[in-house]
């Protein structure tokens, strides 16, 4: 038994998303074989949040033992591939592997709840995660994570994010402004603050930075899509037509600026009665399927209305952490797994997800 034989045997293990075997993808590294036929090697996946990592490990151990190894030690790790599009040299975003927009065409669809729970699901799976709360006028991440302290501002005017539950790094306007006072700013001031959040925050090394977009498709949204290399976007909606109409605008916006839409999340999809355990479709049904079919993007999941999710947000502990066995938490974890798989595919294909574009006034 030698290294060549081990690699040849492991070629039968395929990555279902990348459609290539783990040896071809370069996942198998640092093979060591002792005189006693004890084998060890590293399995370096495209993300520490890979939902198949344990299966890969078990399959590797079984195959190598079948070659005659007395023992097999597989060390799992994840190295997120960084998209080709790079931020400017003086930006702290250089240490961030993937930037994911979480957006909606309108307010009130639970976009911030989705952002907080996706971030927590990714963090609990082993990834390094940050959240940029880009809603200047209605920030909510401070409440969602129960953060009371302010950011640290350094002499060079850079900012350190607050480390919240689950080890998630968070920057939000709610930590700068009085929660009882309105932020009465014109568009240019808000856009400048977004630039500061993007390029003057010491994010450090992150696998995923989730940006909680403000509702709509205006100035701040364009600033965000133009100023940072987005790896992809998740669009949140609810089933009723009034929300779907604005969701279509959000999908069209990302299409216009060349950002790949990873998929749509249908929030508040249904309500399960405590007494009869029957799913009640309060806001109609089928909206998510219709819009994803129309735009050719995946429906990532349907998150139900659950009182525990609302309570968790108010208490500052996302449902994925506070109620891990709830239907909503289970769905958020499943959605997060699909998101990381899609981003890995985009990176593997070396797709430029942020296009160069320019709008003239006459085009709008």
Protein backbone atom coordinates (compact mmCIF):
# COMPACT_ATOMS: atom_id res chain seq x y z
CA UNK A 1 0.00 0.00 0.00
CA UNK A 2 1.40 3.37 -1.04
CA UNK A 3 0.22 6.94 -1.56
CA UNK A 4 -0.63 6.39 -5.22
CA UNK A 5 -2.86 3.42 -4.40
CA UNK A 6 -4.64 5.37 -1.66
CA UNK A 7 -5.34 8.32 -3.97
CA UNK A 8 -6.58 5.98 -6.71
CA UNK A 9 -8.97 4.25 -4.31
CA UNK A 10 -10.33 7.55 -2.97
CA UNK A 11 -11.28 8.73 -6.47
CA UNK A 12 -14.61 6.92 -6.09
CA UNK A 13 -15.79 9.57 -3.59
CA UNK A 14 -17.57 12.30 -5.55
CA UNK A 15 -18.54 15.78 -4.43
CA UNK A 16 -22.25 15.94 -5.42
CA UNK A 17 -22.18 19.70 -5.94
CA UNK A 18 -18.91 20.10 -7.81
CA UNK A 19 -19.39 16.81 -9.75
CA UNK A 20 -15.74 15.85 -9.36
CA UNK A 21 -13.99 13.39 -7.07
CA UNK A 22 -12.22 14.51 -3.89
CA UNK A 23 -8.77 13.62 -5.22
CA UNK A 24 -9.22 15.66 -8.40
CA UNK A 25 -10.48 18.57 -6.30
CA UNK A 26 -7.34 18.44 -4.16
CA UNK A 27 -9.16 17.68 -0.92
CA UNK A 28 -6.81 14.82 0.05
CA UNK A 29 -3.50 16.17 1.34
CA UNK A 30 -0.47 15.22 3.44
CA UNK A 31 -0.77 11.42 3.28
CA UNK A 32 1.41 9.68 5.87
CA UNK A 33 1.94 5.88 5.97
CA UNK A 34 3.80 4.33 8.92
CA UNK A 35 5.80 1.09 8.91
CA UNK A 36 2.88 -0.53 10.74
CA UNK A 37 0.46 0.40 7.93
CA UNK A 38 -1.13 3.19 9.96
CA UNK A 39 -2.42 5.85 7.58
CA UNK A 40 -3.20 9.49 8.25
CA UNK A 41 -4.07 12.36 5.92
CA UNK A 42 -5.86 15.71 5.78
CA UNK A 43 -9.20 16.24 4.09
CA UNK A 44 -9.33 19.95 3.21
CA UNK A 45 -12.84 20.84 2.00
CA UNK A 46 -14.07 23.99 0.30
CA UNK A 47 -15.75 25.21 3.50
CA UNK A 48 -15.63 24.29 7.20
CA UNK A 49 -19.44 24.35 7.05
CA UNK A 50 -19.64 21.53 4.48
CA UNK A 51 -22.75 19.45 5.31
CA UNK A 52 -21.09 16.28 3.96
CA UNK A 53 -17.82 16.49 5.89
CA UNK A 54 -18.60 13.64 8.28
CA UNK A 55 -19.77 11.40 5.43
CA UNK A 56 -16.59 12.13 3.48
CA UNK A 57 -14.52 11.24 6.54
CA UNK A 58 -16.34 7.95 7.17
CA UNK A 59 -16.13 6.95 3.50
CA UNK A 60 -12.39 7.73 3.39
CA UNK A 61 -11.70 5.65 6.50
CA UNK A 62 -13.69 2.70 5.16
CA UNK A 63 -11.97 2.73 1.75
CA UNK A 64 -8.42 3.03 3.11
CA UNK A 65 -9.02 0.30 5.69
CA UNK A 66 -10.19 -1.86 2.80
CA UNK A 67 -6.70 -1.47 1.29
CA UNK A 68 -5.18 -3.12 4.37
CA UNK A 69 -4.51 -0.17 6.70
CA UNK A 70 -4.53 -1.12 10.39
CA UNK A 71 -5.80 2.34 11.35
CA UNK A 72 -6.85 5.45 9.48
CA UNK A 73 -6.81 8.99 10.87
CA UNK A 74 -8.53 11.66 8.78
CA UNK A 75 -8.18 15.30 9.88
CA UNK A 76 -11.04 17.48 8.61
CA UNK A 77 -10.60 21.14 7.79
CA UNK A 78 -12.07 23.71 5.43
CA UNK A 79 -10.45 26.35 3.30
CA UNK A 80 -12.95 28.66 1.66
CA UNK A 81 -12.01 29.58 -1.88
CA UNK A 82 -11.95 33.31 -2.42
CA UNK A 83 -13.69 34.68 -5.55
CA UNK A 84 -11.48 36.26 -8.20
CA UNK A 85 -13.03 39.71 -7.79
CA UNK A 86 -10.88 41.56 -5.27
CA UNK A 87 -11.60 44.65 -3.15
CA UNK A 88 -9.24 47.61 -3.10
CA UNK A 89 -5.80 47.26 -1.53
CA UNK A 90 -6.65 49.39 1.52
CA UNK A 91 -9.84 47.47 2.33
CA UNK A 92 -10.15 45.09 5.27
CA UNK A 93 -12.45 42.99 3.09
CA UNK A 94 -9.34 41.35 1.63
CA UNK A 95 -9.43 38.86 4.52
CA UNK A 96 -13.08 37.92 3.89
CA UNK A 97 -13.57 34.87 1.66
CA UNK A 98 -17.26 35.24 0.79
CA UNK A 99 -19.66 38.17 1.07
CA UNK A 100 -23.34 37.23 0.93
CA UNK A 101 -26.14 39.76 0.53
CA UNK A 102 -29.42 39.00 2.30
CA UNK A 103 -32.02 41.20 0.68
CA UNK A 104 -35.71 41.82 0.16
CA UNK A 105 -37.71 44.18 -1.96
CA UNK A 106 -39.81 45.35 0.99
CA UNK A 107 -39.66 45.60 4.75
CA UNK A 108 -41.44 43.37 7.23
CA UNK A 109 -40.64 40.01 5.63
CA UNK A 110 -38.21 38.89 8.34
CA UNK A 111 -34.99 39.50 6.43
CA UNK A 112 -33.00 40.33 9.56
CA UNK A 113 -34.31 37.21 11.31
CA UNK A 114 -33.17 35.14 8.34
CA UNK A 115 -29.76 36.85 8.36
CA UNK A 116 -29.22 36.28 12.08
CA UNK A 117 -30.20 32.62 11.96
CA UNK A 118 -28.23 31.83 8.80
CA UNK A 119 -25.17 33.42 10.41
CA UNK A 120 -25.66 31.38 13.58
CA UNK A 121 -26.13 28.15 11.59
CA UNK A 122 -22.90 28.82 9.67
CA UNK A 123 -20.99 29.68 12.84
CA UNK A 124 -22.15 26.57 14.70
CA UNK A 125 -21.00 24.45 11.75
CA UNK A 126 -17.44 25.70 12.23
CA UNK A 127 -17.22 28.72 9.91
CA UNK A 128 -15.91 32.16 10.86
CA UNK A 129 -18.85 34.52 10.33
CA UNK A 130 -19.57 38.24 10.42
CA UNK A 131 -22.70 40.35 9.93
CA UNK A 132 -22.83 43.86 8.50
CA UNK A 133 -26.16 45.44 9.37
CA UNK A 134 -26.54 47.81 6.42
CA UNK A 135 -29.96 49.13 7.43
CA UNK A 136 -28.89 52.58 8.59
CA UNK A 137 -32.40 53.82 9.39
CA UNK A 138 -33.78 50.65 10.99
CA UNK A 139 -30.88 48.56 12.35
CA UNK A 140 -31.89 45.44 14.26
CA UNK A 141 -28.82 43.24 14.80
CA UNK A 142 -28.13 44.83 18.17
CA UNK A 143 -31.50 43.52 19.40
CA UNK A 144 -31.26 40.21 17.53
CA UNK A 145 -28.03 39.34 19.36
CA UNK A 146 -28.63 41.22 22.61
CA UNK A 147 -25.65 43.54 22.09
CA UNK A 148 -25.41 46.50 24.44
CA UNK A 149 -21.76 47.55 24.13
CA UNK A 150 -20.49 49.93 21.44
CA UNK A 151 -17.84 49.25 18.83
CA UNK A 152 -14.24 50.08 19.56
CA UNK A 153 -13.07 52.99 17.40
CA UNK A 154 -9.30 53.14 16.91
CA UNK A 155 -7.13 56.28 16.53
CA UNK A 156 -6.88 55.69 12.78
CA UNK A 157 -10.71 55.88 12.62
CA UNK A 158 -11.08 52.16 11.93
CA UNK A 159 -13.68 50.10 13.80
CA UNK A 160 -13.52 46.72 15.52
CA UNK A 161 -16.73 44.70 15.27
CA UNK A 162 -18.45 43.48 18.41
CA UNK A 163 -18.07 39.76 19.08
CA UNK A 164 -21.57 38.39 19.72
CA UNK A 165 -23.06 35.02 20.60
CA UNK A 166 -21.72 32.14 18.54
CA UNK A 167 -18.48 34.04 17.93
CA UNK A 168 -20.13 36.18 15.23
CA UNK A 169 -18.53 39.57 14.46
CA UNK A 170 -21.19 42.27 14.09
CA UNK A 171 -21.23 45.89 12.98
CA UNK A 172 -24.50 47.81 13.17
CA UNK A 173 -25.70 51.39 13.32
CA UNK A 174 -27.63 50.38 16.43
CA UNK A 175 -24.33 50.36 18.31
CA UNK A 176 -23.55 53.95 17.34
CA UNK A 177 -26.91 55.67 17.67
CA UNK A 178 -29.33 56.10 20.56
CA UNK A 179 -31.97 53.37 20.14
CA UNK A 180 -34.75 55.83 21.01
CA UNK A 181 -33.72 58.42 18.42
CA UNK A 182 -34.26 58.37 14.68
CA UNK A 183 -31.32 58.55 12.27
CA UNK A 184 -32.36 61.54 10.18
CA UNK A 185 -29.79 61.49 7.40
CA UNK A 186 -29.90 62.27 3.72
CA UNK A 187 -28.83 59.60 1.23
CA UNK A 188 -25.17 60.72 0.78
CA UNK A 189 -24.55 60.56 4.55
CA UNK A 190 -26.01 57.07 4.79
CA UNK A 191 -23.98 55.92 1.78
CA UNK A 192 -20.80 57.29 3.34
CA UNK A 193 -21.51 55.38 6.54
CA UNK A 194 -21.94 52.21 4.50
CA UNK A 195 -18.53 52.84 2.91
CA UNK A 196 -17.04 53.14 6.42
CA UNK A 197 -18.71 49.88 7.46
CA UNK A 198 -17.33 48.12 4.41
CA UNK A 199 -13.79 49.41 4.26
CA UNK A 200 -12.90 50.74 7.72
CA UNK A 201 -13.96 47.77 9.83
CA UNK A 202 -11.29 45.36 11.04
CA UNK A 203 -13.18 42.23 10.09
CA UNK A 204 -10.17 39.95 10.31
CA UNK A 205 -10.26 36.54 8.61
CA UNK A 206 -13.84 35.51 7.89
CA UNK A 207 -15.23 32.66 5.85
CA UNK A 208 -18.59 34.40 5.38
CA UNK A 209 -19.69 38.01 5.82
CA UNK A 210 -23.47 38.37 5.63
CA UNK A 211 -24.79 41.82 4.72
CA UNK A 212 -28.29 42.53 5.98
CA UNK A 213 -29.49 44.83 3.18
CA UNK A 214 -32.07 47.54 3.86
CA UNK A 215 -35.39 47.03 2.05
CA UNK A 216 -35.76 48.41 -1.45
CA UNK A 217 -33.49 48.91 -4.46
CA UNK A 218 -32.17 52.43 -4.00
CA UNK A 219 -29.00 54.37 -3.25
CA UNK A 220 -27.64 52.28 -0.36
CA UNK A 221 -28.27 49.02 -2.19
CA UNK A 222 -26.37 50.28 -5.24
CA UNK A 223 -23.53 51.52 -3.01
CA UNK A 224 -23.25 48.05 -1.49
CA UNK A 225 -23.27 46.20 -4.81
CA UNK A 226 -20.74 48.59 -6.33
CA UNK A 227 -18.39 48.84 -3.36
CA UNK A 228 -17.80 45.24 -2.34
CA UNK A 229 -17.24 41.97 -4.23
CA UNK A 230 -20.46 40.10 -3.49
CA UNK A 231 -20.18 36.33 -3.88
CA UNK A 232 -23.94 35.98 -4.14
CA UNK A 233 -27.31 37.02 -2.76
CA UNK A 234 -30.23 35.46 -0.93
CA UNK A 235 -33.62 37.12 -1.43
CA UNK A 236 -36.26 36.85 1.31
CA UNK A 237 -39.99 37.05 0.69
CA UNK A 238 -43.30 36.01 2.19
CA UNK A 239 -45.96 34.09 0.24
CA UNK A 240 -48.44 36.91 -0.45
CA UNK A 241 -48.42 38.70 -3.80
CA UNK A 242 -47.65 42.15 -2.34
CA UNK A 243 -44.32 40.80 -1.06
CA UNK A 244 -43.61 38.80 -4.22
CA UNK A 245 -44.02 41.92 -6.37
CA UNK A 246 -41.19 43.62 -4.47
CA UNK A 247 -39.15 40.42 -4.37
CA UNK A 248 -39.16 40.43 -8.18
CA UNK A 249 -37.62 43.90 -8.09
CA UNK A 250 -34.88 42.67 -5.79
CA UNK A 251 -34.11 39.75 -8.08
CA UNK A 252 -34.05 42.09 -11.07
CA UNK A 253 -31.65 44.43 -9.25
CA UNK A 254 -29.08 41.72 -8.62
CA UNK A 255 -29.44 40.53 -12.21
CA UNK A 256 -28.79 44.08 -13.44
CA UNK A 257 -25.58 44.45 -11.43
CA UNK A 258 -24.27 40.97 -12.21
CA UNK A 259 -24.60 39.38 -8.76
CA UNK A 260 -25.54 35.70 -8.69
CA UNK A 261 -28.72 34.98 -6.72
CA UNK A 262 -28.12 31.84 -4.65
CA UNK A 263 -31.84 31.41 -4.05
CA UNK A 264 -35.05 32.61 -2.40
CA UNK A 265 -36.19 32.02 1.18
CA UNK A 266 -39.93 32.06 1.79
CA UNK A 267 -40.37 33.30 5.36
CA UNK A 268 -43.60 33.09 7.38
CA UNK A 269 -44.57 30.34 4.98
CA UNK A 270 -47.15 28.70 7.24
CA UNK A 271 -48.23 28.37 10.86
CA UNK A 272 -48.42 25.10 12.77
CA UNK A 273 -51.23 25.05 15.32
CA UNK A 274 -50.25 23.78 18.76
CA UNK A 275 -53.56 21.99 19.17
CA UNK A 276 -54.02 20.20 15.84
CA UNK A 277 -50.40 20.26 14.55
CA UNK A 278 -51.80 21.18 11.15
CA UNK A 279 -50.02 23.63 8.82
CA UNK A 280 -52.16 26.73 8.24
CA UNK A 281 -51.23 28.88 5.25
CA UNK A 282 -52.08 32.34 6.58
CA UNK A 283 -50.50 34.29 3.70
CA UNK A 284 -51.66 32.02 0.86
CA UNK A 285 -49.31 29.40 -0.58
CA UNK A 286 -47.09 28.67 -3.58
CA UNK A 287 -45.63 32.16 -3.90
CA UNK A 288 -42.05 31.05 -3.43
CA UNK A 289 -42.37 28.33 -6.05
CA UNK A 290 -43.88 30.73 -8.59
CA UNK A 291 -41.19 33.36 -8.30
CA UNK A 292 -38.27 30.91 -8.33
CA UNK A 293 -39.70 29.21 -11.40
CA UNK A 294 -40.12 32.57 -13.11
CA UNK A 295 -36.50 33.62 -12.46
CA UNK A 296 -34.85 30.20 -12.62
CA UNK A 297 -33.34 30.33 -9.12
CA UNK A 298 -33.67 27.73 -6.32
CA UNK A 299 -36.22 27.92 -3.52
CA UNK A 300 -33.85 27.41 -0.59
CA UNK A 301 -36.53 26.74 1.99
CA UNK A 302 -39.80 27.65 3.68
CA UNK A 303 -39.57 28.96 7.23
CA UNK A 304 -42.79 28.72 9.26
CA UNK A 305 -44.27 31.23 11.68
CA UNK A 306 -43.21 30.10 15.14
CA UNK A 307 -43.60 32.13 18.34
CA UNK A 308 -40.27 30.77 19.55
CA UNK A 309 -38.46 32.48 16.65
CA UNK A 310 -39.97 35.87 17.48
CA UNK A 311 -39.23 35.39 21.17
CA UNK A 312 -35.65 34.38 20.41
CA UNK A 313 -35.10 37.54 18.37
CA UNK A 314 -36.50 39.76 21.12
CA UNK A 315 -34.35 38.01 23.74
CA UNK A 316 -31.19 38.41 21.65
CA UNK A 317 -30.58 34.69 21.00
CA UNK A 318 -31.30 33.48 17.42
CA UNK A 319 -33.62 30.48 17.24
CA UNK A 320 -30.93 28.23 15.76
CA UNK A 321 -29.08 28.57 19.08
CA UNK A 322 -31.98 28.93 21.54
CA UNK A 323 -34.43 26.42 19.98
CA UNK A 324 -32.26 24.10 17.87
CA UNK A 325 -34.94 21.40 17.61
CA UNK A 326 -37.67 23.73 16.34
CA UNK A 327 -38.98 23.43 12.78
CA UNK A 328 -37.64 26.88 11.95
CA UNK A 329 -34.14 26.20 13.29
CA UNK A 330 -33.96 22.93 11.35
CA UNK A 331 -35.00 24.75 8.18
CA UNK A 332 -32.45 27.54 8.73
CA UNK A 333 -29.67 24.95 9.10
CA UNK A 334 -30.79 23.25 5.88
CA UNK A 335 -30.86 26.60 4.04
CA UNK A 336 -27.37 27.45 5.31
CA UNK A 337 -26.06 24.12 3.98
CA UNK A 338 -27.48 24.89 0.53
CA UNK A 339 -25.98 28.38 0.56
CA UNK A 340 -22.44 27.18 1.32
CA UNK A 341 -22.71 24.50 -1.36
CA UNK A 342 -23.82 27.06 -3.94
CA UNK A 343 -21.01 29.47 -3.03
CA UNK A 344 -18.48 26.65 -3.29
CA UNK A 345 -19.77 25.85 -6.78
CA UNK A 346 -19.49 29.51 -7.82
CA UNK A 347 -15.89 29.66 -6.55
CA UNK A 348 -14.97 26.38 -8.19
CA UNK A 349 -16.27 27.66 -11.51
CA UNK A 350 -14.16 30.82 -11.06
CA UNK A 351 -17.15 32.97 -11.88
CA UNK A 352 -16.77 36.71 -11.73
CA UNK A 353 -19.85 37.48 -9.69
CA UNK A 354 -19.46 41.25 -9.65
CA UNK A 355 -19.63 42.73 -13.12
CA UNK A 356 -18.40 46.11 -14.28
CA UNK A 357 -21.34 48.27 -15.19
CA UNK A 358 -22.33 51.89 -15.46
CA UNK A 359 -25.76 53.47 -15.44
CA UNK A 360 -26.41 56.67 -17.31
CA UNK A 361 -29.34 58.81 -16.22
CA UNK A 362 -31.06 58.16 -19.55
CA UNK A 363 -30.95 54.38 -18.89
CA UNK A 364 -32.94 54.64 -15.67
